[in-house]
Structures are given as C-alpha cells and as structure tokens.
Amino acid sequence: MKKYLITSKEFYTDTPDIFKEKLQKQFEIHMPDFALYRDKENPNYAKQAEDFMDVCSEFTGVKSFIHRHVELAVELKATGVHLTSTQFDEIAQASANNLKVIMSTHTHEEVLLAQKLGANYVTYSPIFASPNKGKPKGVEDLQALLKKCTIKVFALGGILDASQVQSVSESGAFGFASIRYFYS
C-alpha cells in the first residue's frame, strides 16, 4: 500500500531551514511514496515549495506534488499537482503539462467525475474522524466506493496509527494519505 505524506504549516513551520530539517526527518522515518507540499497561508509559498522539492529529490522514488498550483508544479518539475474539489476544470491543463493529477474528493460522485476527467489518483475523505472535516465516512463506505471505480484511491482523514493503516490496507485502497500520521 502506498504512503502519501502531506505537509502542514502546523507541523512543519514556514521557516526554511527548520522546514527542510523536519521534512527530511519524516521522510527518513516513514519513507513515503508520495509527498505533497500544502500550506494555504504561506506568503512565501513558491520558495518553500522549492525547498520541498529539494528534500524530495534526496529520496529515490518519492513522487512530489504541489497543492493547487499547476504552473508552479510545472516550473519546479514536480511529479504532479494535487487539486482541490473545486478545481476539476484544471485536470486537463495539468495533464497537458505532463503532470500527474491527484484530486481531493469527498463523495462517490466526485471520485467518478475525477476518473472520467482523467485524474490519475484521488484522495477520498474523511475516512476516520478528523478535526473540522465533517462526519467520517468509515472503511465500509471506502470499500463500497472501490467497487464502483477504477481510479487509484488514497484514503485520507484521521489516519493516525498502524491499526487505521491496516484497516485501509484491508479495504483494498491504493494507499493512505495523512498529515498527522507522518508527523508523529
């Protein structure tokens, strides 16, 4: 099962040297397959995204993604872009720029739309309880979704420990995505 590390200012800060040091440590501990630079409030987003890409380049096989910004992902030669559930109209542009696309989704219908429009992966959330993310969908709903789609699905939301990772693995999901799991 694939591991998708998502950064958050809450855990990684926006101080360049500290950010890189913390991120390198988490990569060494957890060896993620995919990693996302995500910081919705950083005024130096592009610079920190560049630092993120530097760290990703130190680890063989890590697929690097930039949150929301297709042009920046192209400029930094990221593997791809992770688009929000309000950016379905940008899938074609990202794909035309040879970027892999991960879409944030929260309903079965959104997953099927992302699949139809050519996204490569989706995150589907929240699977478990997660702060400010609404009622958890649960593993049974995830399993029902997986019977309907062919797109690769990362379970997201409230994944904090090995038992939750095991539940997601047993569901048949492609992988799991998390912020807090990788920071612990």
Protein backbone atom coordinates (compact mmCIF):
# COMPACT_ATOMS: atom_id res chain seq x y z
CA MET A 1 0.00 0.00 0.00
CA LYS A 2 1.30 3.46 -0.95
CA LYS A 3 2.03 6.15 1.64
CA TYR A 4 1.22 9.81 0.87
CA LEU A 5 2.76 12.39 3.21
CA ILE A 6 1.03 15.79 3.29
CA THR A 7 2.78 18.78 4.82
CA SER A 8 1.06 21.32 7.05
CA LYS A 9 2.42 24.54 8.49
CA GLU A 10 1.05 23.38 11.85
CA PHE A 11 3.69 20.63 11.97
CA TYR A 12 6.43 21.73 9.59
CA THR A 13 6.58 25.56 10.01
CA ASP A 14 7.43 28.05 7.28
CA THR A 15 10.98 28.78 8.47
CA PRO A 16 13.10 27.40 5.58
CA ASP A 17 15.89 25.57 7.42
CA ILE A 18 13.58 24.18 10.09
CA PHE A 19 11.06 23.12 7.45
CA LYS A 20 13.67 21.20 5.46
CA GLU A 21 15.12 19.58 8.57
CA LYS A 22 11.73 18.41 9.85
CA LEU A 23 10.65 17.16 6.43
CA GLN A 24 13.90 15.22 5.90
CA LYS A 25 13.45 13.57 9.29
CA GLN A 26 9.89 12.47 8.47
CA PHE A 27 10.99 11.13 5.07
CA GLU A 28 13.76 9.12 6.74
CA ILE A 29 11.40 7.69 9.36
CA HIS A 30 8.40 6.93 7.14
CA MET A 31 9.77 6.63 3.58
CA PRO A 32 6.65 7.92 1.81
CA ASP A 33 5.96 7.00 -1.81
CA PHE A 34 4.17 10.30 -2.50
CA ALA A 35 4.58 13.70 -0.84
CA LEU A 36 2.57 16.92 -1.09
CA TYR A 37 3.63 20.47 -0.33
CA ARG A 38 0.50 22.11 1.09
CA ASP A 39 0.39 25.38 3.01
CA LYS A 40 -2.65 27.52 2.36
CA GLU A 41 -1.36 30.62 4.14
CA ASN A 42 2.38 30.90 3.46
CA PRO A 43 3.26 34.23 1.78
CA ASN A 44 6.50 32.57 0.58
CA TYR A 45 4.70 29.57 -0.90
CA ALA A 46 6.83 29.32 -4.05
CA LYS A 47 10.11 29.44 -2.12
CA GLN A 48 9.01 26.83 0.38
CA ALA A 49 7.69 24.66 -2.45
CA GLU A 50 11.18 24.83 -3.94
CA ASP A 51 12.66 23.74 -0.58
CA PHE A 52 10.14 20.89 -0.51
CA MET A 53 11.26 19.79 -3.98
CA ASP A 54 14.90 19.85 -2.81
CA VAL A 55 14.05 17.43 0.00
CA CYS A 56 12.04 15.17 -2.33
CA SER A 57 14.99 14.96 -4.72
CA GLU A 58 17.13 13.49 -1.94
CA PHE A 59 14.89 10.41 -1.68
CA THR A 60 14.73 7.96 -4.57
CA GLY A 61 11.27 7.13 -5.78
CA VAL A 62 9.29 9.83 -3.95
CA LYS A 63 6.63 11.32 -6.21
CA SER A 64 6.37 15.06 -5.47
CA PHE A 65 3.14 17.05 -5.68
CA ILE A 66 2.35 20.75 -5.32
CA HIS A 67 -1.03 21.76 -3.92
CA ARG A 68 -3.40 23.74 -6.19
CA HIS A 69 -0.78 25.47 -8.38
CA VAL A 70 -0.41 23.86 -11.82
CA GLU A 71 2.07 26.44 -13.13
CA LEU A 72 4.31 26.17 -10.06
CA ALA A 73 4.28 22.37 -10.29
CA VAL A 74 5.44 22.64 -13.91
CA GLU A 75 8.10 25.23 -13.05
CA LEU A 76 9.51 23.14 -10.20
CA LYS A 77 9.34 19.90 -12.22
CA ALA A 78 7.13 18.20 -9.66
CA THR A 79 5.66 14.82 -10.46
CA GLY A 80 2.25 16.41 -10.32
CA VAL A 81 -0.34 18.64 -8.77
CA HIS A 82 -2.93 17.92 -6.09
CA LEU A 83 -6.09 19.81 -7.00
CA THR A 84 -8.92 20.71 -4.64
CA SER A 85 -12.51 19.59 -5.12
CA THR A 86 -13.23 22.99 -6.69
CA GLN A 87 -10.59 22.57 -9.43
CA PHE A 88 -12.00 19.81 -11.63
CA ASP A 89 -11.72 22.18 -14.59
CA GLU A 90 -7.90 22.21 -14.22
CA ILE A 91 -7.37 18.46 -14.69
CA ALA A 92 -6.97 18.79 -18.47
CA GLN A 93 -4.47 21.67 -18.17
CA ALA A 94 -2.37 19.76 -15.65
CA SER A 95 -2.43 16.61 -17.78
CA ALA A 96 -1.49 18.61 -20.89
CA ASN A 97 1.58 19.77 -18.98
CA ASN A 98 2.58 16.14 -18.26
CA LEU A 99 1.68 16.39 -14.59
CA LYS A 100 0.10 13.54 -12.68
CA VAL A 101 -3.13 14.69 -11.04
CA ILE A 102 -4.46 13.88 -7.59
CA MET A 103 -7.96 15.24 -6.88
CA SER A 104 -9.38 15.86 -3.43
CA THR A 105 -12.80 14.22 -3.27
CA HIS A 106 -15.48 13.78 -0.63
CA THR A 107 -18.29 11.92 -2.41
CA HIS A 108 -18.56 8.90 -4.69
CA GLU A 109 -19.81 11.23 -7.42
CA GLU A 110 -16.68 13.40 -7.17
CA VAL A 111 -14.46 10.32 -7.41
CA LEU A 112 -16.27 9.15 -10.54
CA LEU A 113 -16.06 12.63 -12.06
CA ALA A 114 -12.30 12.83 -11.38
CA GLN A 115 -11.92 9.42 -13.00
CA LYS A 116 -13.96 10.50 -16.05
CA LEU A 117 -11.97 13.72 -16.47
CA GLY A 118 -8.64 11.88 -16.43
CA ALA A 119 -7.21 12.39 -12.95
CA ASN A 120 -4.63 9.76 -12.02
CA TYR A 121 -5.49 9.47 -8.32
CA VAL A 122 -7.95 10.80 -5.76
CA THR A 123 -7.90 11.33 -2.04
CA TYR A 124 -11.22 10.36 -0.50
CA SER A 125 -12.05 11.81 2.89
CA PRO A 126 -12.61 11.81 5.74
CA ILE A 127 -12.37 8.10 6.44
CA PHE A 128 -11.87 8.49 10.20
CA ALA A 129 -12.67 11.42 12.50
CA SER A 130 -10.55 14.43 11.61
CA PRO A 131 -10.76 17.97 13.04
CA ASN A 132 -13.22 20.20 11.14
CA LYS A 133 -13.75 17.69 8.33
CA GLY A 134 -17.29 16.51 8.99
CA LYS A 135 -18.69 13.10 9.76
CA PRO A 136 -16.25 10.26 8.97
CA LYS A 137 -17.23 8.02 6.06
CA GLY A 138 -15.69 4.86 7.51
CA VAL A 139 -13.95 1.92 5.92
CA GLU A 140 -17.21 0.30 4.72
CA ASP A 141 -18.04 3.35 2.62
CA LEU A 142 -14.50 3.30 1.24
CA GLN A 143 -14.95 -0.35 0.26
CA ALA A 144 -18.26 0.45 -1.46
CA LEU A 145 -16.54 3.24 -3.40
CA LEU A 146 -13.72 0.96 -4.50
CA LYS A 147 -16.29 -1.40 -6.07
CA LYS A 148 -17.57 1.49 -8.25
CA CYS A 149 -14.33 2.98 -9.56
CA THR A 150 -11.05 2.08 -11.25
CA ILE A 151 -9.08 5.19 -10.30
CA LYS A 152 -6.39 4.81 -7.63
CA VAL A 153 -7.79 5.95 -4.26
CA PHE A 154 -5.85 7.26 -1.28
CA ALA A 155 -7.87 7.08 1.95
CA LEU A 156 -7.50 10.35 3.86
CA GLY A 157 -8.70 11.76 7.13
CA GLY A 158 -7.93 10.88 10.71
CA ILE A 159 -5.32 8.23 9.92
CA LEU A 160 -3.06 8.35 12.96
CA ASP A 161 -1.84 4.85 13.73
CA ALA A 162 -0.91 1.42 12.39
CA SER A 163 -4.34 -0.10 13.12
CA GLN A 164 -6.05 2.51 10.92
CA VAL A 165 -3.45 1.97 8.18
CA GLN A 166 -4.17 -1.77 8.42
CA SER A 167 -7.93 -1.16 8.06
CA VAL A 168 -7.35 0.96 4.97
CA SER A 169 -4.99 -1.66 3.55
CA GLU A 170 -7.59 -4.39 4.06
CA SER A 171 -10.17 -2.25 2.23
CA GLY A 172 -8.19 -2.54 -1.00
CA ALA A 173 -7.37 1.16 -1.30
CA PHE A 174 -4.30 2.08 -3.35
CA GLY A 175 -2.86 3.88 -0.35
CA PHE A 176 -3.37 6.25 2.53
CA ALA A 177 -2.67 9.95 2.88
CA SER A 178 -2.14 11.82 6.12
CA ILE A 179 -0.60 14.82 7.79
CA ARG A 180 -0.56 13.76 11.44
CA TYR A 181 0.44 10.09 10.93
CA PHE A 182 3.72 11.15 9.36
CA TYR A 183 4.49 13.77 11.93
CA SER A 184 4.10 11.52 14.96
